[in-house]
Amino acid sequence: MKLNGSAWTFTQEDISTDLIRAKAWSHLSPKEQGAHCLEEVDPAFAAQAQPGDFIVAGKNFGCGSSTAAHVAVIGLGIGAVIAESIGKLFITNAASAGLWAVSCPGIIAFARAGDKLELDTAAWQVRNLATGASIAANPMPGFLCEMIELGGEKNYLRARLAREAAV
């Protein structure tokens, strides 16, 4: 699968789930949560980000609690999170909801704010469309990739049960 989007860079490390979306907004719809996505890190981000854009972040993005902060990212329409490293709970929560959360060591030095990027999840490469340069991303387990491509955990389980019933 290939995704294209503009990079929104967040260079700081340890952006926790509470910084991605404050718990005070958890009762809102996904779209309303998206309006508050990363507002404590960059107050202008949610108002300016476009559907399909990428969050490009430093080490340990999504660390902290199992708070469903990925809902705000999805509600904003972000195509993928590409970070130096990502908290394990954030990766699994994101995959369960159909959001790519990809670790890519070196991405902060590779991508600048506004760069047009292509994420190729078959080759596990991120390509800068302006320069033509590529950087390797860390592969994800096949079942998580399938889960994301099918739109999340529920669709993945339905497909898996259907395959097993057909045998």
N, C-alpha and C. Protein backbone atom coordinates (compact mmCIF):
# COMPACT_ATOMS: atom_id res chain seq x y z
N MET A 1 0.85 -1.17 0.00
CA MET A 1 0.00 0.00 0.00
C MET A 1 0.90 1.24 0.00
N LYS A 2 0.54 2.23 -0.81
CA LYS A 2 1.28 3.48 -0.84
C LYS A 2 0.38 4.62 -0.41
N LEU A 3 0.88 5.41 0.53
CA LEU A 3 0.16 6.58 1.03
C LEU A 3 1.01 7.81 0.74
N ASN A 4 0.37 8.90 0.35
CA ASN A 4 1.06 10.15 0.09
C ASN A 4 0.47 11.25 0.95
N GLY A 5 1.35 12.12 1.45
CA GLY A 5 0.88 13.23 2.26
C GLY A 5 1.99 14.20 2.57
N SER A 6 1.62 15.32 3.09
CA SER A 6 2.58 16.33 3.53
C SER A 6 3.00 16.05 4.97
N ALA A 7 4.25 16.34 5.26
CA ALA A 7 4.79 16.09 6.60
C ALA A 7 4.50 17.25 7.55
N TRP A 8 4.03 16.90 8.72
CA TRP A 8 3.93 17.82 9.86
C TRP A 8 4.93 17.30 10.87
N THR A 9 6.00 18.02 11.08
CA THR A 9 7.08 17.51 11.93
C THR A 9 6.95 18.00 13.37
N PHE A 10 7.15 17.07 14.27
CA PHE A 10 7.15 17.30 15.72
C PHE A 10 8.44 16.65 16.23
N THR A 11 9.48 17.47 16.43
CA THR A 11 10.80 16.93 16.72
C THR A 11 11.00 16.52 18.17
N GLN A 12 10.16 16.99 19.06
CA GLN A 12 10.39 16.66 20.46
C GLN A 12 10.15 15.17 20.71
N GLU A 13 10.85 14.65 21.70
CA GLU A 13 10.69 13.25 22.08
C GLU A 13 9.60 13.13 23.13
N ASP A 14 9.11 11.92 23.29
CA ASP A 14 8.15 11.57 24.35
C ASP A 14 6.84 12.36 24.26
N ILE A 15 6.28 12.47 23.08
CA ILE A 15 4.94 13.06 22.95
C ILE A 15 3.96 12.00 23.41
N SER A 16 3.39 12.22 24.59
CA SER A 16 2.53 11.22 25.22
C SER A 16 1.12 11.25 24.62
N THR A 17 0.35 10.23 24.98
CA THR A 17 -1.05 10.19 24.53
C THR A 17 -1.82 11.39 25.05
N ASP A 18 -1.45 11.89 26.22
CA ASP A 18 -2.12 13.08 26.77
C ASP A 18 -1.79 14.34 25.98
N LEU A 19 -0.62 14.39 25.36
CA LEU A 19 -0.27 15.52 24.50
C LEU A 19 -0.91 15.38 23.11
N ILE A 20 -1.10 14.15 22.68
CA ILE A 20 -1.75 13.93 21.38
C ILE A 20 -3.20 14.40 21.47
N ARG A 21 -3.86 14.03 22.57
CA ARG A 21 -5.24 14.47 22.82
C ARG A 21 -5.49 14.43 24.31
N ALA A 22 -5.77 15.57 24.88
CA ALA A 22 -6.03 15.66 26.32
C ALA A 22 -7.26 14.83 26.67
N LYS A 23 -7.23 14.21 27.84
CA LYS A 23 -8.35 13.38 28.29
C LYS A 23 -9.65 14.18 28.40
N ALA A 24 -9.55 15.47 28.58
CA ALA A 24 -10.75 16.32 28.70
C ALA A 24 -11.61 16.26 27.44
N TRP A 25 -11.01 15.87 26.30
CA TRP A 25 -11.75 15.84 25.03
C TRP A 25 -12.21 14.43 24.64
N SER A 26 -11.97 13.44 25.48
CA SER A 26 -12.26 12.05 25.12
C SER A 26 -13.74 11.76 24.91
N HIS A 27 -14.63 12.58 25.45
CA HIS A 27 -16.06 12.35 25.30
C HIS A 27 -16.61 12.86 23.96
N LEU A 28 -15.81 13.58 23.22
CA LEU A 28 -16.26 14.16 21.95
C LEU A 28 -16.21 13.14 20.82
N SER A 29 -16.88 13.46 19.73
CA SER A 29 -16.83 12.61 18.53
C SER A 29 -15.40 12.61 17.98
N PRO A 30 -15.05 11.62 17.18
CA PRO A 30 -13.70 11.61 16.60
C PRO A 30 -13.34 12.91 15.86
N LYS A 31 -14.24 13.44 15.07
CA LYS A 31 -13.95 14.67 14.34
C LYS A 31 -13.70 15.84 15.30
N GLU A 32 -14.50 15.92 16.36
CA GLU A 32 -14.30 16.99 17.36
C GLU A 32 -13.00 16.78 18.13
N GLN A 33 -12.64 15.52 18.41
CA GLN A 33 -11.36 15.25 19.05
C GLN A 33 -10.22 15.68 18.14
N GLY A 34 -10.38 15.45 16.85
CA GLY A 34 -9.36 15.84 15.88
C GLY A 34 -9.05 17.32 15.92
N ALA A 35 -10.04 18.14 16.23
CA ALA A 35 -9.83 19.59 16.33
C ALA A 35 -8.89 19.96 17.47
N HIS A 36 -8.66 19.01 18.38
CA HIS A 36 -7.77 19.25 19.53
C HIS A 36 -6.47 18.44 19.44
N CYS A 37 -6.26 17.78 18.31
CA CYS A 37 -5.09 16.92 18.14
C CYS A 37 -3.79 17.72 18.24
N LEU A 38 -2.94 17.32 19.14
CA LEU A 38 -1.62 17.91 19.37
C LEU A 38 -1.65 19.41 19.65
N GLU A 39 -2.77 19.91 20.17
CA GLU A 39 -2.91 21.35 20.38
C GLU A 39 -1.94 21.92 21.41
N GLU A 40 -1.51 21.10 22.36
CA GLU A 40 -0.54 21.61 23.34
C GLU A 40 0.87 21.67 22.78
N VAL A 41 1.13 20.92 21.72
CA VAL A 41 2.45 20.92 21.07
C VAL A 41 2.50 21.98 19.98
N ASP A 42 1.43 22.06 19.17
CA ASP A 42 1.33 23.06 18.10
C ASP A 42 -0.13 23.47 17.97
N PRO A 43 -0.51 24.60 18.56
CA PRO A 43 -1.91 25.03 18.55
C PRO A 43 -2.51 25.21 17.16
N ALA A 44 -1.70 25.44 16.14
CA ALA A 44 -2.22 25.66 14.79
C ALA A 44 -2.35 24.37 13.98
N PHE A 45 -1.79 23.28 14.46
CA PHE A 45 -1.73 22.04 13.69
C PHE A 45 -3.09 21.56 13.21
N ALA A 46 -4.02 21.35 14.10
CA ALA A 46 -5.31 20.75 13.74
C ALA A 46 -6.08 21.62 12.75
N ALA A 47 -5.96 22.92 12.85
CA ALA A 47 -6.68 23.81 11.94
C ALA A 47 -6.07 23.83 10.54
N GLN A 48 -4.79 23.49 10.43
CA GLN A 48 -4.10 23.58 9.15
C GLN A 48 -3.83 22.24 8.47
N ALA A 49 -3.82 21.16 9.22
CA ALA A 49 -3.56 19.84 8.64
C ALA A 49 -4.67 19.47 7.66
N GLN A 50 -4.29 18.75 6.63
CA GLN A 50 -5.22 18.30 5.60
C GLN A 50 -5.38 16.78 5.67
N PRO A 51 -6.53 16.27 5.27
CA PRO A 51 -6.71 14.82 5.24
C PRO A 51 -5.60 14.16 4.41
N GLY A 52 -5.04 13.10 4.95
CA GLY A 52 -3.97 12.38 4.27
C GLY A 52 -2.58 12.81 4.69
N ASP A 53 -2.45 13.95 5.36
CA ASP A 53 -1.14 14.40 5.82
C ASP A 53 -0.55 13.41 6.81
N PHE A 54 0.76 13.51 7.00
CA PHE A 54 1.48 12.63 7.92
C PHE A 54 1.95 13.41 9.15
N ILE A 55 1.85 12.78 10.31
CA ILE A 55 2.53 13.26 11.50
C ILE A 55 3.90 12.60 11.48
N VAL A 56 4.96 13.41 11.46
CA VAL A 56 6.33 12.92 11.51
C VAL A 56 6.88 13.36 12.86
N ALA A 57 7.31 12.40 13.66
CA ALA A 57 7.64 12.72 15.05
C ALA A 57 8.94 12.07 15.50
N GLY A 58 9.42 12.56 16.64
CA GLY A 58 10.64 12.06 17.26
C GLY A 58 10.43 10.74 17.97
N LYS A 59 11.34 10.44 18.87
CA LYS A 59 11.33 9.16 19.58
C LYS A 59 10.18 9.08 20.58
N ASN A 60 9.66 7.87 20.71
CA ASN A 60 8.68 7.51 21.73
C ASN A 60 7.35 8.24 21.58
N PHE A 61 6.91 8.44 20.34
CA PHE A 61 5.61 9.07 20.09
C PHE A 61 4.51 8.15 20.61
N GLY A 62 3.53 8.73 21.29
CA GLY A 62 2.39 7.95 21.80
C GLY A 62 2.71 7.18 23.06
N CYS A 63 3.73 7.60 23.78
CA CYS A 63 4.07 6.93 25.03
C CYS A 63 3.01 7.24 26.09
N GLY A 64 3.11 6.57 27.19
CA GLY A 64 2.19 6.85 28.29
C GLY A 64 1.10 5.82 28.38
N SER A 65 -0.07 6.30 28.70
CA SER A 65 -1.19 5.41 29.00
C SER A 65 -1.82 4.84 27.73
N SER A 66 -2.77 3.96 27.93
CA SER A 66 -3.51 3.37 26.81
C SER A 66 -4.67 4.25 26.37
N THR A 67 -4.66 5.51 26.78
CA THR A 67 -5.68 6.47 26.35
C THR A 67 -5.85 6.40 24.84
N ALA A 68 -7.06 6.43 24.38
CA ALA A 68 -7.36 6.29 22.95
C ALA A 68 -7.11 7.59 22.18
N ALA A 69 -5.89 8.09 22.29
CA ALA A 69 -5.52 9.35 21.62
C ALA A 69 -5.49 9.20 20.11
N HIS A 70 -5.31 7.98 19.61
CA HIS A 70 -5.31 7.76 18.17
C HIS A 70 -6.62 8.19 17.52
N VAL A 71 -7.71 8.23 18.29
CA VAL A 71 -9.01 8.65 17.77
C VAL A 71 -8.95 10.08 17.25
N ALA A 72 -8.23 10.95 17.95
CA ALA A 72 -8.07 12.33 17.51
C ALA A 72 -7.28 12.40 16.21
N VAL A 73 -6.27 11.57 16.07
CA VAL A 73 -5.45 11.53 14.85
C VAL A 73 -6.32 11.08 13.67
N ILE A 74 -7.11 10.04 13.89
CA ILE A 74 -8.01 9.54 12.85
C ILE A 74 -9.09 10.57 12.54
N GLY A 75 -9.64 11.18 13.58
CA GLY A 75 -10.69 12.19 13.39
C GLY A 75 -10.23 13.38 12.58
N LEU A 76 -8.94 13.68 12.63
CA LEU A 76 -8.37 14.76 11.85
C LEU A 76 -8.12 14.34 10.40
N GLY A 77 -8.12 13.04 10.16
CA GLY A 77 -7.91 12.53 8.80
C GLY A 77 -6.46 12.27 8.44
N ILE A 78 -5.59 12.20 9.44
CA ILE A 78 -4.17 11.96 9.20
C ILE A 78 -4.00 10.58 8.55
N GLY A 79 -3.16 10.52 7.51
CA GLY A 79 -2.96 9.27 6.78
C GLY A 79 -2.07 8.28 7.51
N ALA A 80 -1.08 8.77 8.25
CA ALA A 80 -0.17 7.90 8.98
C ALA A 80 0.65 8.71 9.97
N VAL A 81 1.11 8.02 10.99
CA VAL A 81 2.10 8.56 11.92
C VAL A 81 3.40 7.85 11.58
N ILE A 82 4.44 8.63 11.32
CA ILE A 82 5.77 8.08 11.04
C ILE A 82 6.71 8.73 12.05
N ALA A 83 7.27 7.92 12.93
CA ALA A 83 8.08 8.48 14.01
C ALA A 83 9.37 7.69 14.18
N GLU A 84 10.35 8.34 14.82
CA GLU A 84 11.62 7.68 15.14
C GLU A 84 11.35 6.37 15.88
N SER A 85 10.45 6.41 16.83
CA SER A 85 9.95 5.22 17.53
C SER A 85 8.59 5.57 18.10
N ILE A 86 7.80 4.53 18.35
CA ILE A 86 6.41 4.72 18.77
C ILE A 86 6.11 3.80 19.94
N GLY A 87 5.34 4.32 20.91
CA GLY A 87 4.92 3.50 22.04
C GLY A 87 4.12 2.29 21.57
N LYS A 88 4.38 1.14 22.17
CA LYS A 88 3.74 -0.11 21.74
C LYS A 88 2.23 -0.07 21.87
N LEU A 89 1.72 0.51 22.95
CA LEU A 89 0.27 0.60 23.10
C LEU A 89 -0.34 1.48 22.02
N PHE A 90 0.35 2.56 21.66
CA PHE A 90 -0.17 3.43 20.61
C PHE A 90 -0.21 2.68 19.28
N ILE A 91 0.81 1.89 18.97
CA ILE A 91 0.83 1.13 17.72
C ILE A 91 -0.36 0.18 17.65
N THR A 92 -0.58 -0.58 18.72
CA THR A 92 -1.68 -1.56 18.68
C THR A 92 -3.04 -0.88 18.68
N ASN A 93 -3.19 0.20 19.44
CA ASN A 93 -4.46 0.93 19.41
C ASN A 93 -4.72 1.52 18.02
N ALA A 94 -3.69 2.08 17.42
CA ALA A 94 -3.83 2.66 16.09
C ALA A 94 -4.19 1.59 15.07
N ALA A 95 -3.48 0.47 15.09
CA ALA A 95 -3.76 -0.62 14.15
C ALA A 95 -5.19 -1.13 14.32
N SER A 96 -5.64 -1.24 15.56
CA SER A 96 -7.00 -1.72 15.83
C SER A 96 -8.05 -0.80 15.23
N ALA A 97 -7.69 0.45 15.00
CA ALA A 97 -8.62 1.42 14.43
C ALA A 97 -8.34 1.70 12.95
N GLY A 98 -7.32 1.05 12.37
CA GLY A 98 -7.03 1.22 10.95
C GLY A 98 -6.07 2.36 10.62
N LEU A 99 -5.26 2.78 11.58
CA LEU A 99 -4.31 3.87 11.37
C LEU A 99 -2.88 3.32 11.32
N TRP A 100 -2.13 3.71 10.29
CA TRP A 100 -0.72 3.34 10.21
C TRP A 100 0.06 4.14 11.24
N ALA A 101 0.84 3.45 12.07
CA ALA A 101 1.77 4.06 13.02
C ALA A 101 3.09 3.33 12.84
N VAL A 102 4.00 3.95 12.10
CA VAL A 102 5.20 3.29 11.60
C VAL A 102 6.45 3.88 12.23
N SER A 103 7.31 3.02 12.75
CA SER A 103 8.61 3.45 13.27
C SER A 103 9.59 3.56 12.11
N CYS A 104 10.31 4.66 12.09
CA CYS A 104 11.26 4.90 11.01
C CYS A 104 12.46 5.69 11.56
N PRO A 105 13.46 4.97 12.09
CA PRO A 105 14.63 5.66 12.63
C PRO A 105 15.27 6.57 11.58
N GLY A 106 15.54 7.81 11.97
CA GLY A 106 16.14 8.78 11.06
C GLY A 106 15.15 9.69 10.35
N ILE A 107 13.85 9.50 10.58
CA ILE A 107 12.83 10.27 9.86
C ILE A 107 12.90 11.77 10.17
N ILE A 108 13.27 12.15 11.37
CA ILE A 108 13.32 13.58 11.72
C ILE A 108 14.38 14.31 10.90
N ALA A 109 15.53 13.68 10.68
CA ALA A 109 16.57 14.30 9.85
C ALA A 109 16.22 14.22 8.37
N PHE A 110 15.39 13.27 7.99
CA PHE A 110 15.04 13.01 6.60
C PHE A 110 13.95 13.93 6.06
N ALA A 111 12.96 14.24 6.87
CA ALA A 111 11.78 14.98 6.40
C ALA A 111 11.66 16.32 7.10
N ARG A 112 11.37 17.33 6.35
CA ARG A 112 11.13 18.68 6.87
C ARG A 112 9.64 18.98 6.79
N ALA A 113 9.19 19.90 7.61
CA ALA A 113 7.78 20.30 7.59
C ALA A 113 7.39 20.72 6.17
N GLY A 114 6.28 20.17 5.71
CA GLY A 114 5.76 20.50 4.39
C GLY A 114 6.25 19.60 3.27
N ASP A 115 7.28 18.79 3.52
CA ASP A 115 7.75 17.87 2.48
C ASP A 115 6.62 16.92 2.08
N LYS A 116 6.55 16.62 0.81
CA LYS A 116 5.61 15.61 0.31
C LYS A 116 6.30 14.26 0.42
N LEU A 117 5.67 13.35 1.15
CA LEU A 117 6.23 12.03 1.40
C LEU A 117 5.34 10.94 0.84
N GLU A 118 5.96 9.80 0.56
CA GLU A 118 5.22 8.59 0.19
C GLU A 118 5.64 7.49 1.15
N LEU A 119 4.68 6.87 1.81
CA LEU A 119 4.92 5.73 2.67
C LEU A 119 4.51 4.48 1.90
N ASP A 120 5.46 3.60 1.65
CA ASP A 120 5.21 2.34 0.94
C ASP A 120 5.28 1.22 1.97
N THR A 121 4.12 0.68 2.34
CA THR A 121 4.08 -0.34 3.39
C THR A 121 4.37 -1.74 2.85
N ALA A 122 4.51 -1.89 1.54
CA ALA A 122 4.94 -3.17 0.99
C ALA A 122 6.46 -3.27 1.02
N ALA A 123 7.14 -2.17 0.67
CA ALA A 123 8.60 -2.13 0.65
C ALA A 123 9.19 -1.60 1.95
N TRP A 124 8.36 -1.07 2.85
CA TRP A 124 8.77 -0.45 4.10
C TRP A 124 9.81 0.63 3.85
N GLN A 125 9.39 1.57 2.99
CA GLN A 125 10.22 2.72 2.63
C GLN A 125 9.40 3.99 2.75
N VAL A 126 10.06 5.07 3.14
CA VAL A 126 9.48 6.40 3.08
C VAL A 126 10.30 7.15 2.05
N ARG A 127 9.62 7.73 1.07
CA ARG A 127 10.31 8.45 0.00
C ARG A 127 9.93 9.92 0.08
N ASN A 128 10.92 10.79 -0.02
CA ASN A 128 10.69 12.22 -0.12
C ASN A 128 10.46 12.52 -1.59
N LEU A 129 9.25 12.93 -1.96
CA LEU A 129 8.91 13.10 -3.36
C LEU A 129 9.62 14.29 -4.00
N ALA A 130 10.08 15.24 -3.21
CA ALA A 130 10.80 16.39 -3.75
C ALA A 130 12.24 16.02 -4.11
N THR A 131 12.88 15.23 -3.25
CA THR A 131 14.29 14.91 -3.46
C THR A 131 14.50 13.54 -4.12
N GLY A 132 13.51 12.67 -4.02
CA GLY A 132 13.65 11.31 -4.53
C GLY A 132 14.37 10.38 -3.56
N ALA A 133 14.86 10.91 -2.45
CA ALA A 133 15.56 10.09 -1.46
C ALA A 133 14.57 9.19 -0.71
N SER A 134 15.09 8.05 -0.25
CA SER A 134 14.28 7.09 0.51
C SER A 134 14.97 6.73 1.81
N ILE A 135 14.17 6.32 2.77
CA ILE A 135 14.66 5.85 4.05
C ILE A 135 13.84 4.62 4.44
N ALA A 136 14.50 3.67 5.08
CA ALA A 136 13.84 2.42 5.48
C ALA A 136 13.02 2.63 6.74
N ALA A 137 11.83 2.07 6.74
CA ALA A 137 10.97 2.03 7.92
C ALA A 137 11.01 0.62 8.50
N ASN A 138 10.69 0.50 9.77
CA ASN A 138 10.65 -0.81 10.41
C ASN A 138 9.37 -1.54 10.00
N PRO A 139 9.50 -2.76 9.47
CA PRO A 139 8.30 -3.53 9.09
C PRO A 139 7.42 -3.83 10.30
N MET A 140 6.14 -3.94 10.03
CA MET A 140 5.18 -4.33 11.06
C MET A 140 4.76 -5.77 10.80
N PRO A 141 4.29 -6.47 11.83
CA PRO A 141 3.80 -7.84 11.62
C PRO A 141 2.67 -7.87 10.59
N GLY A 142 2.64 -8.94 9.81
CA GLY A 142 1.66 -9.07 8.74
C GLY A 142 0.22 -8.93 9.19
N PHE A 143 -0.12 -9.50 10.34
CA PHE A 143 -1.51 -9.42 10.78
C PHE A 143 -1.91 -7.98 11.10
N LEU A 144 -0.97 -7.15 11.62
CA LEU A 144 -1.29 -5.75 11.88
C LEU A 144 -1.48 -4.99 10.57
N CYS A 145 -0.64 -5.30 9.59
CA CYS A 145 -0.79 -4.66 8.27
C CYS A 145 -2.15 -4.99 7.67
N GLU A 146 -2.52 -6.26 7.72
CA GLU A 146 -3.83 -6.66 7.20
C GLU A 146 -4.95 -5.97 7.96
N MET A 147 -4.81 -5.86 9.28
CA MET A 147 -5.82 -5.21 10.10
C MET A 147 -6.00 -3.75 9.67
N ILE A 148 -4.90 -3.05 9.46
CA ILE A 148 -4.96 -1.65 9.06
C ILE A 148 -5.56 -1.52 7.67
N GLU A 149 -5.10 -2.35 6.75
CA GLU A 149 -5.61 -2.29 5.37
C GLU A 149 -7.10 -2.58 5.28
N LEU A 150 -7.61 -3.41 6.20
CA LEU A 150 -9.05 -3.72 6.21
C LEU A 150 -9.86 -2.69 6.99
N GLY A 151 -9.20 -1.71 7.59
CA GLY A 151 -9.91 -0.65 8.29
C GLY A 151 -10.05 -0.85 9.78
N GLY A 152 -9.34 -1.81 10.34
CA GLY A 152 -9.35 -1.97 11.79
C GLY A 152 -9.68 -3.38 12.24
N GLU A 153 -9.69 -3.53 13.55
CA GLU A 153 -9.82 -4.83 14.19
C GLU A 153 -11.13 -5.56 13.85
N LYS A 154 -12.24 -4.85 13.87
CA LYS A 154 -13.52 -5.51 13.61
C LYS A 154 -13.56 -6.10 12.20
N ASN A 155 -13.14 -5.33 11.21
CA ASN A 155 -13.14 -5.83 9.83
C ASN A 155 -12.15 -6.98 9.67
N TYR A 156 -11.01 -6.88 10.35
CA TYR A 156 -10.01 -7.94 10.31
C TYR A 156 -10.58 -9.24 10.88
N LEU A 157 -11.25 -9.16 12.04
CA LEU A 157 -11.83 -10.35 12.65
C LEU A 157 -12.94 -10.95 11.79
N ARG A 158 -13.76 -10.08 11.18
CA ARG A 158 -14.80 -10.59 10.27
C ARG A 158 -14.19 -11.35 9.10
N ALA A 159 -13.14 -10.78 8.51
CA ALA A 159 -12.49 -11.43 7.37
C ALA A 159 -11.84 -12.74 7.79
N ARG A 160 -11.22 -12.74 8.94
CA ARG A 160 -10.57 -13.96 9.44
C ARG A 160 -11.59 -15.05 9.71
N LEU A 161 -12.70 -14.69 10.35
CA LEU A 161 -13.75 -15.68 10.61
C LEU A 161 -14.35 -16.20 9.32
N ALA A 162 -14.53 -15.32 8.35
CA ALA A 162 -15.07 -15.76 7.04
C ALA A 162 -14.13 -16.72 6.36
N ARG A 163 -12.82 -16.46 6.42
CA ARG A 163 -11.83 -17.38 5.82
C ARG A 163 -11.87 -18.73 6.51
N GLU A 164 -11.95 -18.71 7.84
CA GLU A 164 -11.97 -19.97 8.58
C GLU A 164 -13.25 -20.75 8.35
N ALA A 165 -14.37 -20.05 8.16
CA ALA A 165 -15.65 -20.72 7.90
C ALA A 165 -15.67 -21.34 6.52
N ALA A 166 -14.90 -20.77 5.58
CA ALA A 166 -14.88 -21.27 4.21
C ALA A 166 -14.03 -22.54 4.06
N VAL A 167 -13.25 -22.85 5.08
CA VAL A 167 -12.36 -24.02 5.01
C VAL A 167 -13.09 -25.28 5.34
